[in-house]
């Protein structure tokens, strides 16, 4: 970890002009990087330099820069969001690197995530999975009074832990099979644990699984790297719950 105020680094960064381009790594020296800046601020600094040199800036996703929105994301030295646990790319700071380091930066890799340009990928496939069933469509009336629905504290906390998923796609990028199972299971789990989500539980799990397959995501083979890469530390116990929900749904479908 660097104790200097500024460092000089070398980026091996992925450049790709859209889906039809094969893409390539480009070596760029970045000098006088403020170690108090975030990784995305370092990219901003680099882009200002490239623009002044009349070169193409690097495209990357970002929005809130507070680890909330799930918009940012890239693979840094082989790890989605970088080597620090429980943080997104925008929360990674340059003090985590040393003077003279070479940092390899590339986009999230998955057949379902199409490269738009450079580090920017289209993660719309995750939205399609939510649209397939990650919601409650039943009319539940107005907002109920607090504690009107008896929900055990343990269940409520589990549901909140699952709802912490921000849909960044790090689980997909880290998985050898490019599976979205941690993301899907979190969305299924947060609703399956609550009374409002139970009436549509059977339809939901089958529809979301079907859409996940249609989008081109791989299957889960329990490597557990998704759990390690998740910036919100969503547990793979939700995958176990998803499997149980799927078995129940499959049995009900056969019975019908």
Protein backbone atom coordinates (compact mmCIF):
# COMPACT_ATOMS: atom_id res chain seq x y z
CA UNK A 1 0.00 0.00 0.00
CA UNK A 2 1.44 3.35 -1.00
CA UNK A 3 2.26 5.99 1.61
CA UNK A 4 3.21 8.58 -1.01
CA UNK A 5 1.06 11.55 -1.93
CA UNK A 6 1.45 10.84 -5.66
CA UNK A 7 2.49 7.76 -7.60
CA UNK A 8 3.35 6.87 -11.18
CA UNK A 9 1.58 3.85 -12.63
CA UNK A 10 1.24 2.03 -15.93
CA UNK A 11 -2.20 0.97 -17.13
CA UNK A 12 -2.73 -2.02 -19.38
CA UNK A 13 -6.26 -0.99 -20.30
CA UNK A 14 -8.76 -2.59 -22.65
CA UNK A 15 -9.81 -0.54 -25.68
CA UNK A 16 -12.65 -1.73 -27.91
CA UNK A 17 -14.81 0.24 -30.34
CA UNK A 18 -18.04 -1.70 -29.93
CA UNK A 19 -19.15 -5.28 -30.21
CA UNK A 20 -17.81 -5.89 -33.71
CA UNK A 21 -14.28 -4.77 -32.82
CA UNK A 22 -11.87 -7.44 -31.55
CA UNK A 23 -10.43 -5.07 -28.95
CA UNK A 24 -6.91 -4.81 -27.60
CA UNK A 25 -4.91 -3.82 -24.54
CA UNK A 26 -3.26 -0.41 -24.67
CA UNK A 27 -0.34 0.55 -22.46
CA UNK A 28 -0.67 4.05 -20.95
CA UNK A 29 1.66 5.68 -18.43
CA UNK A 30 -0.14 7.80 -15.83
CA UNK A 31 2.11 10.02 -13.74
CA UNK A 32 1.50 12.07 -10.61
CA UNK A 33 -1.64 10.20 -9.56
CA UNK A 34 -3.01 11.50 -6.26
CA UNK A 35 -3.15 8.54 -3.87
CA UNK A 36 -6.21 10.09 -2.18
CA UNK A 37 -8.20 9.88 -5.43
CA UNK A 38 -10.52 7.01 -6.26
CA UNK A 39 -9.93 4.67 -9.17
CA UNK A 40 -12.60 6.43 -11.22
CA UNK A 41 -11.09 9.83 -10.41
CA UNK A 42 -7.79 8.47 -11.69
CA UNK A 43 -9.57 7.55 -14.95
CA UNK A 44 -11.04 11.06 -15.07
CA UNK A 45 -7.54 12.48 -14.66
CA UNK A 46 -6.28 10.22 -17.44
CA UNK A 47 -9.14 11.19 -19.76
CA UNK A 48 -8.39 14.88 -19.30
CA UNK A 49 -4.80 14.14 -20.31
CA UNK A 50 -5.91 12.12 -23.36
CA UNK A 51 -8.32 14.84 -24.51
CA UNK A 52 -5.58 17.49 -24.25
CA UNK A 53 -3.40 15.22 -26.41
CA UNK A 54 -6.26 14.95 -28.94
CA UNK A 55 -6.71 11.23 -28.19
CA UNK A 56 -9.83 9.16 -27.59
CA UNK A 57 -10.84 9.11 -23.89
CA UNK A 58 -11.61 5.84 -22.12
CA UNK A 59 -15.29 4.99 -21.80
CA UNK A 60 -16.45 3.57 -18.47
CA UNK A 61 -19.72 3.32 -16.54
CA UNK A 62 -20.32 5.43 -13.43
CA UNK A 63 -23.07 7.32 -11.65
CA UNK A 64 -23.34 7.79 -7.88
CA UNK A 65 -19.68 7.05 -7.05
CA UNK A 66 -20.78 6.04 -3.55
CA UNK A 67 -21.10 2.27 -3.96
CA UNK A 68 -24.88 2.44 -4.15
CA UNK A 69 -26.06 2.39 -7.76
CA UNK A 70 -24.12 -0.61 -9.12
CA UNK A 71 -23.36 1.23 -12.37
CA UNK A 72 -19.56 1.20 -12.26
CA UNK A 73 -17.55 -1.94 -12.77
CA UNK A 74 -14.38 -3.26 -14.35
CA UNK A 75 -11.94 -6.09 -13.74
CA UNK A 76 -8.79 -4.77 -12.07
CA UNK A 77 -5.81 -7.13 -12.06
CA UNK A 78 -8.15 -10.06 -12.66
CA UNK A 79 -10.66 -9.19 -9.92
CA UNK A 80 -14.05 -7.50 -10.48
CA UNK A 81 -14.03 -4.10 -8.69
CA UNK A 82 -10.43 -4.69 -7.58
CA UNK A 83 -8.76 -6.68 -4.82
CA UNK A 84 -10.45 -5.09 -1.78
CA UNK A 85 -13.53 -6.91 -0.50
CA UNK A 86 -16.98 -5.38 -0.01
CA UNK A 87 -16.47 -2.35 -2.25
CA UNK A 88 -17.31 -1.23 -5.75
CA UNK A 89 -14.83 0.17 -8.27
CA UNK A 90 -15.72 3.76 -7.35
CA UNK A 91 -14.77 3.04 -3.72
CA UNK A 92 -11.34 1.65 -4.63
CA UNK A 93 -8.65 4.26 -3.92
CA UNK A 94 -5.25 4.69 -5.52
CA UNK A 95 -3.54 4.40 -2.12
CA UNK A 96 -4.11 0.65 -2.56
CA UNK A 97 -1.43 0.67 -5.27
CA UNK A 98 2.30 1.34 -5.19
CA UNK A 99 4.54 3.60 -7.20
CA UNK A 100 5.59 1.85 -10.40
CA UNK A 101 2.72 -0.67 -10.40
CA UNK A 102 1.30 -1.99 -13.65
CA UNK A 103 -2.49 -2.28 -13.39
CA UNK A 104 -4.49 -4.37 -15.85
CA UNK A 105 -8.03 -3.05 -16.42
CA UNK A 106 -10.65 -4.76 -18.59
CA UNK A 107 -14.46 -4.94 -18.83
CA UNK A 108 -16.72 -7.52 -17.23
CA UNK A 109 -16.58 -10.63 -19.43
CA UNK A 110 -19.77 -12.52 -20.23
CA UNK A 111 -21.67 -13.54 -23.34
CA UNK A 112 -24.69 -11.79 -21.84
CA UNK A 113 -22.76 -8.54 -21.27
CA UNK A 114 -22.09 -6.98 -24.66
CA UNK A 115 -19.19 -4.52 -24.84
CA UNK A 116 -20.45 -1.05 -25.74
CA UNK A 117 -17.02 0.57 -25.74
CA UNK A 118 -13.79 0.08 -23.79
CA UNK A 119 -14.78 -0.73 -20.18
CA UNK A 120 -18.50 -0.06 -20.71
CA UNK A 121 -20.77 -3.09 -21.09
CA UNK A 122 -24.51 -3.48 -21.59
CA UNK A 123 -25.88 -5.13 -18.44
CA UNK A 124 -29.46 -4.91 -19.67
CA UNK A 125 -29.75 -8.70 -19.41
CA UNK A 126 -30.02 -8.29 -15.63
CA UNK A 127 -32.94 -5.90 -16.14
CA UNK A 128 -34.64 -8.46 -18.39
CA UNK A 129 -34.44 -11.03 -15.58
CA UNK A 130 -36.11 -8.59 -13.17
CA UNK A 131 -38.78 -7.80 -15.77
CA UNK A 132 -39.49 -11.51 -16.09
CA UNK A 133 -40.60 -11.83 -12.48
CA UNK A 134 -38.60 -9.89 -9.92
CA UNK A 135 -41.56 -7.93 -8.60
CA UNK A 136 -44.94 -8.24 -6.85
CA UNK A 137 -47.84 -7.59 -9.22
CA UNK A 138 -50.70 -8.43 -6.83
CA UNK A 139 -52.72 -5.48 -5.53
CA UNK A 140 -51.65 -5.19 -1.90
CA UNK A 141 -53.61 -2.02 -1.21
CA UNK A 142 -52.18 1.07 0.42
CA UNK A 143 -49.06 1.24 2.52
CA UNK A 144 -49.75 -0.83 5.65
CA UNK A 145 -49.10 0.47 9.13
CA UNK A 146 -45.79 -0.51 10.68
CA UNK A 147 -45.85 -4.06 12.05
CA UNK A 148 -49.31 -4.70 10.55
CA UNK A 149 -47.89 -7.79 8.86
CA UNK A 150 -46.22 -10.10 11.38
CA UNK A 151 -42.76 -10.88 9.98
CA UNK A 152 -40.14 -12.54 12.13
CA UNK A 153 -37.08 -10.37 12.65
CA UNK A 154 -34.80 -13.13 11.34
CA UNK A 155 -36.79 -13.34 8.09
CA UNK A 156 -36.89 -9.57 7.69
CA UNK A 157 -33.12 -9.32 8.13
CA UNK A 158 -32.53 -12.14 5.61
CA UNK A 159 -34.76 -10.36 3.11
CA UNK A 160 -32.88 -7.11 3.65
CA UNK A 161 -29.53 -8.87 3.18
CA UNK A 162 -30.77 -10.22 -0.17
CA UNK A 163 -32.18 -6.82 -1.16
CA UNK A 164 -28.71 -5.31 -0.66
CA UNK A 165 -27.76 -6.64 -4.12
CA UNK A 166 -27.15 -3.63 -6.41
CA UNK A 167 -27.06 -5.59 -9.68
CA UNK A 168 -23.52 -4.55 -10.59
CA UNK A 169 -22.71 -7.86 -12.32
CA UNK A 170 -19.50 -8.62 -10.41
CA UNK A 171 -20.85 -12.09 -9.61
CA UNK A 172 -21.22 -12.78 -13.34
CA UNK A 173 -17.76 -11.41 -14.17
CA UNK A 174 -16.07 -13.52 -11.49
CA UNK A 175 -17.87 -16.80 -12.24
CA UNK A 176 -16.04 -19.29 -14.54
CA UNK A 177 -19.44 -20.07 -16.06
CA UNK A 178 -20.58 -16.41 -16.22
CA UNK A 179 -23.60 -17.40 -14.14
CA UNK A 180 -26.03 -14.80 -12.80
CA UNK A 181 -27.31 -17.17 -10.12
CA UNK A 182 -26.24 -15.05 -7.14
CA UNK A 183 -28.03 -12.01 -8.58
CA UNK A 184 -31.18 -13.99 -9.47
CA UNK A 185 -31.26 -15.86 -6.17
CA UNK A 186 -30.96 -12.61 -4.22
CA UNK A 187 -33.95 -11.14 -6.07
CA UNK A 188 -35.97 -14.34 -5.62
CA UNK A 189 -34.96 -14.65 -1.98
CA UNK A 190 -35.88 -11.13 -0.91
CA UNK A 191 -39.45 -11.69 -2.13
CA UNK A 192 -39.81 -15.36 -1.16
CA UNK A 193 -39.06 -14.50 2.46
CA UNK A 194 -41.85 -11.92 2.73
CA UNK A 195 -45.64 -12.52 2.79
CA UNK A 196 -46.20 -10.13 -0.15
CA UNK A 197 -44.01 -12.24 -2.40
CA UNK A 198 -45.36 -15.70 -1.63
CA UNK A 199 -48.49 -15.76 -3.88
CA UNK A 200 -46.37 -15.42 -7.04
CA UNK A 201 -43.36 -17.42 -5.82
CA UNK A 202 -43.88 -20.37 -8.17
CA UNK A 203 -44.32 -18.27 -11.30
CA UNK A 204 -41.49 -15.94 -10.32
CA UNK A 205 -38.73 -18.49 -9.89
CA UNK A 206 -39.55 -20.32 -13.13
CA UNK A 207 -39.86 -17.13 -15.17
CA UNK A 208 -36.61 -15.64 -13.88
CA UNK A 209 -34.69 -18.86 -14.40
CA UNK A 210 -36.03 -19.17 -17.94
CA UNK A 211 -35.01 -15.60 -18.74
CA UNK A 212 -31.57 -16.13 -17.25
CA UNK A 213 -31.04 -19.03 -19.65
CA UNK A 214 -32.45 -17.04 -22.58
CA UNK A 215 -29.99 -14.21 -21.91
CA UNK A 216 -27.04 -16.57 -22.22
CA UNK A 217 -25.83 -16.78 -18.64
CA UNK A 218 -24.12 -20.01 -17.56
CA UNK A 219 -25.11 -22.45 -14.84
CA UNK A 220 -23.98 -22.34 -11.22
CA UNK A 221 -21.43 -25.01 -10.23
CA UNK A 222 -20.74 -23.70 -6.70
CA UNK A 223 -17.30 -22.18 -7.20
CA UNK A 224 -18.32 -19.51 -4.64
CA UNK A 225 -16.21 -16.80 -6.28
CA UNK A 226 -19.42 -14.81 -6.82
CA UNK A 227 -19.88 -14.46 -3.07
CA UNK A 228 -16.27 -13.32 -2.68
CA UNK A 229 -16.54 -10.73 -5.49
CA UNK A 230 -19.90 -9.29 -4.42
CA UNK A 231 -19.40 -5.72 -3.12
CA UNK A 232 -22.43 -6.13 -0.85
CA UNK A 233 -21.36 -9.60 0.37
CA UNK A 234 -24.58 -11.30 -0.67
CA UNK A 235 -24.36 -14.88 0.59
CA UNK A 236 -24.64 -18.00 -1.57
CA UNK A 237 -27.17 -19.28 0.97
CA UNK A 238 -29.64 -17.41 -1.23
CA UNK A 239 -28.70 -19.76 -4.09
CA UNK A 240 -29.65 -22.67 -1.83
CA UNK A 241 -33.02 -21.01 -1.18
CA UNK A 242 -33.47 -20.41 -4.91
CA UNK A 243 -32.89 -24.14 -5.56
CA UNK A 244 -35.50 -25.04 -2.95
CA UNK A 245 -37.97 -22.58 -4.46
CA UNK A 246 -37.30 -24.03 -7.90
CA UNK A 247 -37.91 -27.60 -6.72
CA UNK A 248 -41.22 -26.56 -5.14
CA UNK A 249 -42.21 -24.71 -8.30
CA UNK A 250 -41.30 -27.69 -10.50
CA UNK A 251 -43.36 -30.05 -8.31
CA UNK A 252 -46.39 -27.73 -8.38
CA UNK A 253 -46.07 -27.41 -12.16
CA UNK A 254 -46.13 -31.22 -12.53
CA UNK A 255 -49.10 -31.47 -10.18
CA UNK A 256 -51.02 -28.99 -12.32
